[in-house]
Protein backbone atom coordinates (compact mmCIF):
# COMPACT_ATOMS: atom_id res chain seq x y z
CA MET A 1 122.78 177.69 88.51
CA LYS A 2 121.07 176.38 85.37
CA LEU A 3 117.63 174.76 85.40
CA TYR A 4 115.71 173.25 82.49
CA ASN A 5 112.61 175.37 81.96
CA THR A 6 109.72 173.45 80.40
CA LEU A 7 108.30 176.78 79.26
CA THR A 8 111.27 177.53 77.00
CA ARG A 9 112.47 173.95 76.46
CA LYS A 10 116.04 174.82 77.41
CA LYS A 11 118.38 175.24 80.37
CA GLU A 12 118.41 178.77 81.70
CA GLU A 13 120.40 180.56 84.37
CA PHE A 14 118.27 180.74 87.49
CA GLU A 15 118.21 183.74 89.80
CA PRO A 16 115.21 184.42 92.04
CA LEU A 17 113.19 187.60 91.54
CA GLN A 18 114.06 188.63 95.06
CA ASP A 19 117.74 188.36 95.97
CA LYS A 20 118.50 185.02 97.63
CA HIS A 21 114.79 184.37 98.31
CA VAL A 22 113.12 181.62 96.26
CA ARG A 23 109.37 181.08 96.04
CA MET A 24 108.45 177.55 94.97
CA TYR A 25 105.10 175.84 94.47
CA ASN A 26 104.78 172.06 94.06
CA CYS A 27 101.47 170.43 93.21
CA GLY A 28 100.64 168.19 96.16
CA PRO A 29 98.41 165.15 96.62
CA THR A 30 94.68 164.74 96.29
CA VAL A 31 94.03 163.25 99.70
CA TYR A 32 91.70 160.31 99.11
CA ASN A 33 94.23 157.49 99.54
CA TYR A 34 97.85 156.76 100.47
CA ILE A 35 100.36 158.39 98.12
CA HIS A 36 102.02 156.06 95.61
CA VAL A 37 105.65 155.94 94.54
CA GLY A 38 104.89 158.19 91.53
CA ASN A 39 103.48 160.87 93.86
CA ALA A 40 106.61 160.63 95.99
CA ARG A 41 109.07 161.40 93.20
CA PRO A 42 108.31 165.14 92.74
CA MET A 43 108.08 165.53 96.52
CA VAL A 44 111.57 164.13 97.00
CA VAL A 45 113.42 165.57 94.00
CA PHE A 46 112.11 169.11 94.41
CA ASP A 47 112.70 168.93 98.16
CA SER A 48 116.34 168.26 97.18
CA LEU A 49 116.32 171.41 95.04
CA ARG A 50 114.92 173.37 97.98
CA ARG A 51 117.67 171.89 100.17
CA TYR A 52 120.38 172.98 97.75
CA PHE A 53 119.07 176.55 97.75
CA ILE A 54 119.22 176.49 101.56
CA TYR A 55 122.76 175.06 101.37
CA LYS A 56 123.67 178.09 99.21
CA GLY A 57 122.39 180.35 101.99
CA TRP A 58 119.12 181.33 100.31
CA ASP A 59 115.69 181.56 101.93
CA VAL A 60 112.98 179.38 100.41
CA ASP A 61 109.19 179.62 100.67
CA PHE A 62 108.11 176.09 99.70
CA VAL A 63 104.41 175.34 99.18
CA VAL A 64 103.01 171.83 98.71
CA ASN A 65 99.21 171.98 98.64
CA PHE A 66 96.57 169.47 99.67
CA THR A 67 93.64 169.08 97.28
CA ASP A 68 91.05 168.29 99.94
CA ILE A 69 87.89 168.60 97.84
CA ASP A 70 87.64 166.58 94.63
CA ASP A 71 85.49 163.98 92.84
CA LYS A 72 87.70 161.13 94.11
CA ILE A 73 87.41 162.30 97.72
CA ILE A 74 83.63 162.60 97.42
CA LYS A 75 83.39 159.12 95.85
CA LYS A 76 85.49 157.60 98.66
CA ALA A 77 83.38 159.39 101.29
CA ASN A 78 80.13 158.09 99.77
CA GLU A 79 81.53 154.55 99.64
CA GLU A 80 82.42 154.68 103.34
CA GLY A 81 79.38 156.64 104.48
CA LEU A 82 81.55 159.52 105.73
CA GLU A 83 81.91 163.24 105.09
CA ALA A 84 84.45 164.29 102.48
CA LYS A 85 86.24 166.28 105.17
CA GLU A 86 86.77 163.12 107.24
CA ILE A 87 88.40 161.33 104.28
CA ALA A 88 90.65 164.30 103.61
CA GLU A 89 91.71 164.58 107.26
CA ARG A 90 92.54 160.87 107.41
CA TYR A 91 94.78 160.90 104.36
CA ILE A 92 96.45 164.20 105.18
CA ALA A 93 97.55 162.55 108.43
CA GLU A 94 98.73 159.46 106.54
CA PHE A 95 100.60 161.61 104.02
CA LYS A 96 102.46 163.33 106.84
CA LYS A 97 103.59 159.95 108.20
CA ASP A 98 105.00 159.00 104.81
CA ALA A 99 106.52 162.46 104.38
CA GLN A 100 108.29 162.08 107.72
CA GLY A 101 109.76 158.77 106.59
CA LEU A 102 110.96 160.37 103.35
CA ASN A 103 112.54 163.24 105.33
CA LEU A 104 110.40 165.87 103.61
CA TYR A 105 109.72 167.97 106.71
CA GLU A 106 113.22 168.74 107.96
CA TYR A 107 112.66 172.28 106.71
CA LYS A 108 109.42 174.21 106.94
CA THR A 109 106.90 173.33 104.26
CA ILE A 110 103.68 175.29 103.77
CA ASN A 111 100.75 172.87 103.28
CA PRO A 112 97.62 174.84 102.39
CA ARG A 113 94.28 173.10 101.91
CA ALA A 114 92.01 174.16 99.08
CA THR A 115 88.96 174.42 101.36
CA GLU A 116 90.76 177.03 103.50
CA TYR A 117 90.84 179.43 100.53
CA MET A 118 87.23 179.36 99.38
CA ASP A 119 86.69 183.13 99.72
CA GLU A 120 89.85 183.83 97.73
CA ILE A 121 88.83 181.28 95.07
CA ILE A 122 85.39 182.85 94.62
CA HIS A 123 86.91 186.35 94.41
CA PHE A 124 89.45 185.12 91.83
CA ILE A 125 86.73 183.54 89.66
CA LYS A 126 84.52 186.64 89.94
CA ASP A 127 87.38 188.76 88.66
CA LEU A 128 87.80 186.46 85.64
CA VAL A 129 84.07 186.71 84.90
CA ASP A 130 84.17 190.51 85.21
CA LYS A 131 87.12 190.63 82.80
CA GLY A 132 85.29 188.50 80.23
CA ALA A 133 87.76 185.63 80.54
CA ALA A 134 85.17 183.34 82.15
CA TYR A 135 81.41 182.85 81.87
CA GLU A 136 78.59 181.36 83.92
CA LEU A 137 76.43 178.56 82.50
CA ASP A 138 73.56 177.10 84.53
CA GLY A 139 75.40 177.59 87.83
CA ASP A 140 78.77 176.38 86.50
CA VAL A 141 81.58 178.77 85.58
CA TYR A 142 84.02 178.06 82.75
CA PHE A 143 87.26 179.67 81.65
CA ASP A 144 87.19 180.75 77.99
CA ILE A 145 90.52 179.50 76.62
CA THR A 146 90.30 181.81 73.59
CA LYS A 147 90.74 184.72 76.03
CA ALA A 148 94.05 183.34 77.32
CA LYS A 149 97.27 184.80 76.03
CA ASP A 150 99.26 182.11 74.17
CA TYR A 151 97.20 179.17 75.45
CA GLY A 152 99.31 176.05 74.97
CA LYS A 153 102.67 177.78 75.43
CA LEU A 154 103.78 175.41 78.20
CA SER A 155 102.73 172.11 76.63
CA GLY A 156 103.36 173.18 73.05
CA LYS A 157 99.79 172.34 72.07
CA ASN A 158 98.13 174.37 69.33
CA LEU A 159 94.80 175.98 70.25
CA ASP A 160 93.18 175.21 66.87
CA GLU A 161 94.19 171.56 67.14
CA LEU A 162 92.90 171.41 70.70
CA GLN A 163 89.57 172.87 69.63
CA SER A 164 89.06 170.52 66.70
CA GLY A 165 90.35 167.43 68.49
CA ALA A 166 88.69 167.94 71.87
CA ARG A 167 85.73 165.89 72.96
CA ILE A 168 82.62 167.85 73.84
CA ASP A 169 82.27 167.92 77.65
CA VAL A 170 79.09 166.90 79.45
CA ASN A 171 77.89 170.47 79.00
CA GLU A 172 77.61 170.96 75.24
CA LYS A 173 76.68 174.61 75.68
CA LYS A 174 80.26 175.60 76.43
CA LYS A 175 81.68 178.23 74.07
CA ASN A 176 84.67 176.04 73.25
CA PRO A 177 85.22 172.30 73.79
CA GLY A 178 88.48 173.04 75.67
CA ASP A 179 86.94 175.48 78.17
CA PHE A 180 87.49 174.18 81.69
CA ALA A 181 85.48 174.45 84.89
CA LEU A 182 86.34 177.07 87.50
CA TRP A 183 83.22 176.44 89.57
CA LYS A 184 80.97 173.35 89.64
CA LYS A 185 77.33 173.50 90.64
CA LYS A 186 76.44 171.15 93.48
CA LYS A 187 75.14 167.68 92.70
CA GLU A 188 73.13 165.50 95.05
CA GLY A 189 75.20 164.30 98.01
CA GLU A 190 78.11 166.66 97.45
CA PRO A 191 79.58 169.23 99.88
CA ALA A 192 79.06 172.79 98.67
CA TRP A 193 79.85 176.45 99.35
CA GLU A 194 77.81 179.54 98.59
CA SER A 195 78.88 181.59 95.57
CA PRO A 196 77.39 184.25 93.25
CA TRP A 197 76.64 181.51 90.69
CA SER A 198 75.40 178.55 92.71
CA GLN A 199 76.02 176.37 95.71
CA GLY A 200 78.98 174.39 94.55
CA ARG A 201 82.73 173.87 94.72
CA PRO A 202 85.83 174.92 92.78
CA GLY A 203 87.43 173.10 89.88
CA TRP A 204 90.84 171.53 90.42
CA HIS A 205 92.95 173.96 88.39
CA ILE A 206 91.74 177.14 90.08
CA GLU A 207 92.69 175.88 93.54
CA CYS A 208 96.43 175.82 92.81
CA SER A 209 96.40 179.23 91.12
CA VAL A 210 94.70 180.84 94.09
CA MET A 211 96.88 179.22 96.75
CA ALA A 212 100.07 180.07 94.84
CA LYS A 213 99.05 183.72 94.41
CA THR A 214 97.85 184.12 98.00
CA LEU A 215 100.92 182.56 99.60
CA LEU A 216 103.71 183.43 97.16
CA GLY A 217 102.55 186.39 95.07
CA LYS A 218 101.38 187.03 91.51
CA THR A 219 104.64 185.86 89.94
CA ILE A 220 106.52 182.97 91.54
CA ASP A 221 110.05 181.76 90.83
CA ILE A 222 109.52 178.03 90.32
CA HIS A 223 106.47 175.82 89.78
CA THR A 224 107.11 172.07 89.90
CA GLY A 225 105.29 168.79 89.42
CA GLY A 226 105.21 165.55 87.45
CA GLU A 227 105.27 165.74 83.66
CA ASP A 228 101.74 164.27 83.62
CA LEU A 229 100.51 167.59 85.06
CA GLU A 230 101.98 169.69 82.25
CA PHE A 231 98.70 169.50 80.33
CA PRO A 232 96.00 170.32 81.13
CA HIS A 233 96.60 171.21 84.80
CA HIS A 234 99.63 173.48 84.57
CA GLU A 235 98.56 174.91 81.22
CA ASN A 236 95.23 175.90 82.74
CA GLU A 237 96.91 177.35 85.82
CA ILE A 238 98.90 179.65 83.55
CA ALA A 239 95.86 180.68 81.52
CA GLN A 240 93.65 181.66 84.47
CA SER A 241 96.46 183.14 86.58
CA GLU A 242 97.83 185.39 83.85
CA ALA A 243 94.32 186.48 82.84
CA HIS A 244 93.66 187.43 86.46
CA ASN A 245 97.08 188.81 87.48
CA GLY A 246 98.04 190.55 84.24
CA GLN A 247 101.63 189.25 84.52
CA ASP A 248 103.67 186.06 84.24
CA PHE A 249 102.54 183.36 86.65
CA ALA A 250 105.76 181.33 87.06
CA ARG A 251 109.21 182.09 85.68
CA PHE A 252 110.48 178.50 85.71
CA TRP A 253 108.47 175.31 85.21
CA LEU A 254 110.20 172.08 86.30
CA HIS A 255 108.71 168.66 85.55
CA ASN A 256 109.99 165.26 86.63
CA GLY A 257 109.80 162.08 84.57
CA MET A 258 107.49 159.17 85.28
CA ILE A 259 108.12 155.92 87.16
CA THR A 260 107.73 152.49 85.62
CA VAL A 261 107.55 149.24 87.61
CA ASP A 262 109.65 146.41 86.16
CA HIS A 263 109.70 148.51 82.95
CA GLU A 264 105.90 148.68 82.70
CA LYS A 265 103.60 151.61 83.36
CA MET A 266 102.33 151.50 86.93
CA SER A 267 98.60 150.76 87.13
CA LYS A 268 96.20 149.04 89.51
CA SER A 269 94.86 146.86 86.70
CA LYS A 270 98.32 145.36 86.12
CA GLY A 271 98.80 144.70 89.82
CA ASN A 272 102.06 146.67 89.89
CA PHE A 273 100.75 149.65 91.82
CA PHE A 274 102.78 150.46 94.93
CA THR A 275 101.97 152.98 97.63
CA VAL A 276 104.73 154.46 99.77
CA ARG A 277 103.08 152.70 102.72
CA ASP A 278 103.38 149.34 100.90
CA ILE A 279 107.07 149.96 100.29
CA SER A 280 107.67 150.95 103.92
CA LYS A 281 106.69 147.43 105.02
CA GLU A 282 109.78 146.03 103.31
CA TYR A 283 112.21 148.94 103.14
CA ASP A 284 113.10 151.93 105.26
CA LEU A 285 111.77 154.97 103.38
CA GLU A 286 115.23 156.47 103.31
CA VAL A 287 116.03 153.69 100.80
CA LEU A 288 113.11 154.92 98.67
CA ARG A 289 114.41 158.48 98.89
CA LEU A 290 117.83 157.33 97.70
CA PHE A 291 116.23 155.48 94.79
CA LEU A 292 114.20 158.53 93.75
CA ILE A 293 117.28 160.78 93.50
CA SER A 294 119.50 158.14 91.88
CA SER A 295 118.50 159.24 88.36
CA HIS A 296 118.23 162.70 86.86
CA TYR A 297 114.80 164.07 87.74
CA ARG A 298 113.75 164.62 84.11
CA ASN A 299 114.47 161.02 83.13
CA PRO A 300 112.05 158.14 83.60
CA ILE A 301 113.04 155.78 86.40
CA ASN A 302 112.29 152.08 86.86
CA PHE A 303 111.17 150.69 90.20
CA SER A 304 111.89 147.05 91.04
CA LYS A 305 112.78 144.91 94.03
CA GLU A 306 116.26 144.36 92.63
CA VAL A 307 116.88 148.10 92.31
CA MET A 308 115.54 148.73 95.82
CA ASP A 309 117.84 146.05 97.24
CA GLN A 310 120.78 147.73 95.50
CA ASN A 311 119.82 151.07 97.01
CA LYS A 312 119.41 149.50 100.44
CA ASN A 313 122.98 148.17 100.28
CA ALA A 314 124.25 151.51 98.97
CA LEU A 315 122.62 153.38 101.83
CA GLU A 316 124.18 151.01 104.34
CA ARG A 317 127.62 151.81 102.87
CA LEU A 318 127.00 155.52 103.38
CA TYR A 319 125.94 154.95 106.99
CA ASN A 320 128.94 152.69 107.56
CA THR A 321 131.23 155.54 106.52
CA LYS A 322 129.40 157.91 108.84
CA ASP A 323 129.80 155.49 111.75
CA ARG A 324 133.46 154.72 110.98
CA LEU A 325 134.23 158.43 110.78
CA GLU A 326 132.62 159.11 114.15
CA GLY A 327 134.60 156.26 115.69
CA ALA A 328 137.90 157.30 114.09
CA MET A 329 137.59 160.87 115.36
CA LYS A 330 137.40 159.61 118.94
CA THR A 331 140.89 158.09 118.71
CA ALA A 332 142.56 160.22 116.01
CA LYS A 333 145.65 162.24 116.85
CA SER A 334 145.83 165.96 116.14
CA GLY A 335 147.02 166.83 112.65
CA SER A 336 146.00 167.40 109.05
CA ASP A 337 146.88 166.13 105.59
CA PRO A 338 146.87 168.74 102.76
CA ASP A 339 146.45 166.14 99.99
CA PHE A 340 143.48 164.55 101.76
CA ASP A 341 141.95 167.98 102.43
CA GLN A 342 142.37 168.91 98.75
CA ASP A 343 140.68 165.69 97.60
CA ILE A 344 137.72 166.36 99.90
CA GLN A 345 137.42 169.95 98.63
CA GLN A 346 137.57 168.79 95.00
CA LEU A 347 134.75 166.29 95.53
CA LYS A 348 132.68 168.97 97.27
CA GLU A 349 133.11 171.29 94.28
CA GLU A 350 132.15 168.51 91.86
CA PHE A 351 129.04 167.78 93.94
CA CYS A 352 127.99 171.42 93.71
CA GLN A 353 128.72 171.53 89.97
CA ALA A 354 126.35 168.59 89.50
CA MET A 355 123.59 170.30 91.47
CA GLU A 356 124.16 173.57 89.61
CA ASP A 357 123.69 171.74 86.30
CA ASP A 358 119.91 171.31 86.31
CA MET A 359 119.90 169.59 89.69
CA ASN A 360 121.73 166.46 88.56
CA THR A 361 121.24 164.47 91.76
CA ALA A 362 122.54 161.30 90.08
CA ASP A 363 125.99 162.85 89.53
CA ALA A 364 125.87 164.56 92.93
CA LEU A 365 125.15 161.19 94.54
CA SER A 366 128.12 159.65 92.72
CA ARG A 367 130.36 162.35 94.22
CA LEU A 368 128.96 161.54 97.66
CA PHE A 369 129.96 157.90 97.21
CA ASP A 370 133.40 158.99 95.98
CA LEU A 371 133.66 161.10 99.12
CA SER A 372 132.67 158.10 101.23
CA LYS A 373 135.41 156.02 99.60
CA ARG A 374 138.06 158.71 100.09
CA ILE A 375 137.10 159.14 103.76
CA ASN A 376 137.45 155.40 104.37
CA GLN A 377 140.89 155.51 102.75
CA GLY A 378 141.79 158.41 105.02
CA ILE A 379 140.67 156.49 108.10
CA ASN A 380 142.82 153.53 107.03
CA GLU A 381 145.76 155.92 106.58
CA GLU A 382 145.13 157.30 110.11
CA ILE A 383 144.61 160.86 108.89
CA GLY A 384 144.75 163.50 111.64
CA LEU A 385 141.79 164.81 113.59
CA GLU A 386 141.56 168.23 111.90
CA SER A 387 141.34 166.66 108.44
CA LEU A 388 138.81 164.09 109.60
CA GLY A 389 136.72 166.85 111.17
CA GLY A 390 136.66 168.81 107.91
CA ALA A 391 135.74 165.68 105.97
CA GLN A 392 132.92 164.91 108.38
CA GLU A 393 131.45 168.39 108.03
CA THR A 394 131.56 168.14 104.22
CA TYR A 395 130.19 164.60 104.13
CA LEU A 396 127.21 165.29 106.37
CA SER A 397 126.36 168.67 104.82
CA LEU A 398 126.31 167.23 101.27
CA ALA A 399 124.28 164.22 102.43
CA LYS A 400 121.83 166.68 103.97
CA VAL A 401 121.40 168.42 100.61
CA LEU A 402 120.12 165.10 99.27
CA GLY A 403 118.09 164.46 102.41
CA LEU A 404 120.17 161.43 103.43
CA LEU A 405 121.86 160.14 106.59
CA TYR A 406 119.27 161.72 108.85
CA LYS A 407 118.87 158.81 111.22
CA GLU A 408 120.60 159.00 114.57
CA GLU A 409 122.85 156.33 116.05
CA ASP A 410 120.07 154.71 118.07
CA GLN A 411 118.00 154.23 114.91
CA ALA A 412 120.95 152.60 113.12
CA GLU A 413 121.54 150.36 116.16
CA GLU A 414 117.87 149.37 116.11
CA GLU A 415 118.33 148.09 112.54
CA VAL A 416 121.41 146.06 113.60
CA LEU A 417 119.55 144.44 116.49
CA LYS A 418 116.62 143.64 114.21
CA LEU A 419 118.90 141.80 111.76
CA ILE A 420 120.66 139.94 114.57
CA LYS A 421 117.30 138.76 115.90
CA GLU A 422 116.29 137.59 112.40
CA ARG A 423 119.59 135.68 112.15
CA GLU A 424 119.03 134.01 115.50
CA GLU A 425 115.57 132.92 114.35
CA ALA A 426 117.05 131.53 111.12
CA ARG A 427 119.67 129.53 113.07
CA LYS A 428 116.99 128.26 115.43
CA ASN A 429 115.02 127.03 112.40
CA LYS A 430 118.21 125.49 110.94
CA ASP A 431 117.99 127.86 107.95
CA PHE A 432 121.74 128.31 107.82
CA ALA A 433 121.78 129.80 104.33
CA GLN A 434 119.57 132.65 105.53
CA ALA A 435 121.68 133.01 108.70
CA ASP A 436 124.85 133.32 106.58
CA ALA A 437 123.16 135.84 104.28
CA LEU A 438 122.19 137.99 107.29
CA ARG A 439 125.75 137.76 108.65
CA ASP A 440 127.04 138.99 105.25
CA GLN A 441 124.49 141.80 105.26
CA LEU A 442 125.70 142.90 108.70
CA LEU A 443 129.32 142.77 107.51
CA GLU A 444 128.41 145.06 104.59
CA MET A 445 127.02 147.47 107.19
CA GLY A 446 130.35 147.33 109.01
CA ILE A 447 129.08 145.07 111.81
CA ALA A 448 131.01 142.00 112.96
CA ILE A 449 129.15 139.42 115.02
CA GLU A 450 130.37 136.68 117.34
CA ASP A 451 128.25 133.80 118.60
CA SER A 452 128.80 132.75 122.22
CA ARG A 453 127.03 130.89 125.03
CA ASP A 454 125.76 134.26 126.25
CA GLY A 455 124.19 135.07 122.91
CA THR A 456 125.32 137.01 119.84
CA LYS A 457 127.74 139.86 120.42
CA TRP A 458 128.44 142.54 117.84
CA LYS A 459 130.86 145.38 117.20
CA ARG A 460 131.51 147.99 114.51
CA ILE A 461 134.54 147.42 112.27
């Protein structure tokens, strides 16, 4: 399997350090608000990578952290007159609701919180100070970037340029403008922990380094996140981790591209900022998951209502195939078709080739739709039960790699009944255009409806 390594700027053959056991760390949310669609992209795409490893029969330790102490959390707490811990707890719970909707927790995910590792963080920083890679300044502790080996090797930034171009931080006594905080002395109204330097709290970068080392070891296989984290966050993680551990921090660095909204950068000031919770009011979150894997993870991707509607219809086609296949197997006669079986096997191999080529979920998804089409042809041709059974196993297992088709029959039926009710309301209000549109939508889902004196009846076709 080849993965594009940001560290080397090329695709490289990936094999875990430990045979068939992958250790992955993905930078998780700062829990002061609902996650937005940009936060969701790395969660979904790298969950799909984890799923493919599992499909290959490998074990995966997958860590997605919660940053539960941060300036934004403290600001939100002060605005609401609450403790920072209460804000963090609230939005961790809300994140888990969104994660459930995006099917992120089908497999075990380790979700450490920064505040649970305070002793380890302080020990880590103390070691850096003892080694001369960090220094204390009026109760704050900074990492000295000149003591890092090859600082800038991930982002490609030159240390001299960084030094001359950097703005002087609030503390002008730092040795170098680019030195970053490992420990921050307490300010009025902030939560704090005891340390050898002051009552205070850790900087953002050190938290991820400590949690990754504690849970996965000194050298991990894969570190992932959005490309906006490449510098300074991931660069600083490397610097402090390798100064502390004396060995490589992560062998592969994977970064996903950014999301635009109607081809513009997403921002609150432009009014085009969408949280996952906002999107869930209009679309099932499985539609959002499909959208997020519909382009190669390293490419930028554009979010719009039109694109979401297209993905909603596409997902319905996949579910329609699943339902048709289940129905066909109940009445199919025993038998198999070698040509059909060969076509299914070929599409399975092409799906895996796409995933093996730097996790190309867009191409893998295309093969899943090709598989859906071939299965429907096979049903129309009345293919035998054994062949249909093999196709079903392949179809569902490949969909599972992408985290799709995880809703059970009763959930699908609930969606049908919801649309029928909306149609009945439209007819009652004499909005016949909307009623016809809902009938067409149901037909696309493979549902035929019939109006009668006893109400609307429906059946799968």
